[in-house]
Amino acid sequence: MEDAVARVVWTGPRDVAEILLESIRPDDPGFFESEIVEDGERVSLTVVASSSDLSELRATIDDILACLSAVEGSLEALGE
């Protein structure tokens, strides 16, 4: 049973959301659920992780945020 849940929500263009999602899929398979929801021209990428162990949850979220940040920064640097 999960005792702790963390949710990360990113909002922006669909193409970037798809790239971001692909960047985290290999990182922690099975440790989180993700969803892209469209709202007009923008979408929301939601990542939800849960665990009965807070340190495990923190490690998972830290990994996810590090990947998302690195990819988003790279895309910005490339002018995407």
Protein backbone atom coordinates (compact mmCIF):
# COMPACT_ATOMS: atom_id res chain seq x y z
CA MET A 1 0.00 0.00 0.00
CA GLU A 2 1.29 3.47 -0.92
CA ASP A 3 1.50 6.01 1.87
CA ALA A 4 3.07 8.89 -0.02
CA VAL A 5 2.26 10.37 -3.43
CA ALA A 6 4.03 13.10 -5.38
CA ARG A 7 2.68 14.77 -8.50
CA VAL A 8 4.68 16.82 -11.00
CA VAL A 9 2.77 18.86 -13.60
CA TRP A 10 4.44 20.58 -16.55
CA THR A 11 2.46 22.73 -19.01
CA GLY A 12 3.51 23.68 -22.52
CA PRO A 13 3.40 22.61 -26.16
CA ARG A 14 2.57 18.98 -27.01
CA ASP A 15 5.82 18.29 -28.88
CA VAL A 16 7.89 19.32 -25.87
CA ALA A 17 5.68 17.31 -23.49
CA GLU A 18 6.21 14.21 -25.61
CA ILE A 19 9.99 14.71 -25.64
CA LEU A 20 10.00 15.24 -21.88
CA LEU A 21 7.94 12.11 -21.30
CA GLU A 22 10.25 10.03 -23.49
CA SER A 23 13.23 11.28 -21.47
CA ILE A 24 11.88 9.85 -18.20
CA ARG A 25 10.33 6.58 -19.39
CA PRO A 26 13.58 4.58 -19.26
CA ASP A 27 14.64 6.16 -15.95
CA ASP A 28 12.26 4.59 -13.43
CA PRO A 29 9.94 2.21 -15.28
CA GLY A 30 7.12 1.02 -13.08
CA PHE A 31 7.77 3.63 -10.39
CA PHE A 32 5.43 6.29 -11.78
CA GLU A 33 2.41 6.90 -13.98
CA SER A 34 2.25 9.65 -16.56
CA GLU A 35 -0.35 11.33 -18.70
CA ILE A 36 -0.48 14.06 -21.33
CA VAL A 37 -3.78 15.96 -21.37
CA GLU A 38 -4.60 18.47 -24.09
CA ASP A 39 -6.16 21.84 -23.29
CA GLY A 40 -6.38 23.85 -26.49
CA GLU A 41 -2.94 24.73 -27.84
CA ARG A 42 -1.18 23.64 -24.66
CA VAL A 43 -0.98 20.34 -22.84
CA SER A 44 -0.24 19.25 -19.31
CA LEU A 45 2.25 16.47 -18.67
CA THR A 46 1.45 14.94 -15.28
CA VAL A 47 3.76 12.49 -13.56
CA VAL A 48 2.57 10.74 -10.39
CA ALA A 49 4.88 8.64 -8.24
CA SER A 50 3.91 6.77 -5.09
CA SER A 51 5.67 4.69 -2.49
CA SER A 52 5.35 3.47 1.06
CA ASP A 53 8.91 4.71 1.65
CA LEU A 54 9.48 8.48 1.58
CA SER A 55 13.18 8.17 0.75
CA GLU A 56 12.34 5.96 -2.25
CA LEU A 57 9.69 8.44 -3.39
CA ARG A 58 12.13 11.31 -3.03
CA ALA A 59 14.77 9.48 -5.05
CA THR A 60 12.26 8.73 -7.82
CA ILE A 61 11.02 12.34 -7.97
CA ASP A 62 14.60 13.67 -7.85
CA ASP A 63 15.51 11.47 -10.83
CA ILE A 64 12.44 12.53 -12.77
CA LEU A 65 12.99 16.24 -12.09
CA ALA A 66 16.67 16.00 -13.01
CA CYS A 67 15.80 14.39 -16.36
CA LEU A 68 13.01 16.84 -17.11
CA SER A 69 15.20 19.81 -16.20
CA ALA A 70 18.12 18.63 -18.32
CA VAL A 71 15.97 17.99 -21.37
CA GLU A 72 14.02 21.22 -21.01
CA GLY A 73 17.27 23.17 -20.65
CA SER A 74 18.72 21.47 -23.73
CA LEU A 75 15.61 22.25 -25.77
CA GLU A 76 15.76 25.92 -24.68
CA ALA A 77 19.44 26.12 -25.61
CA LEU A 78 18.61 24.70 -29.05
CA GLY A 79 15.79 27.20 -29.48
CA GLU A 80 13.09 24.52 -29.57
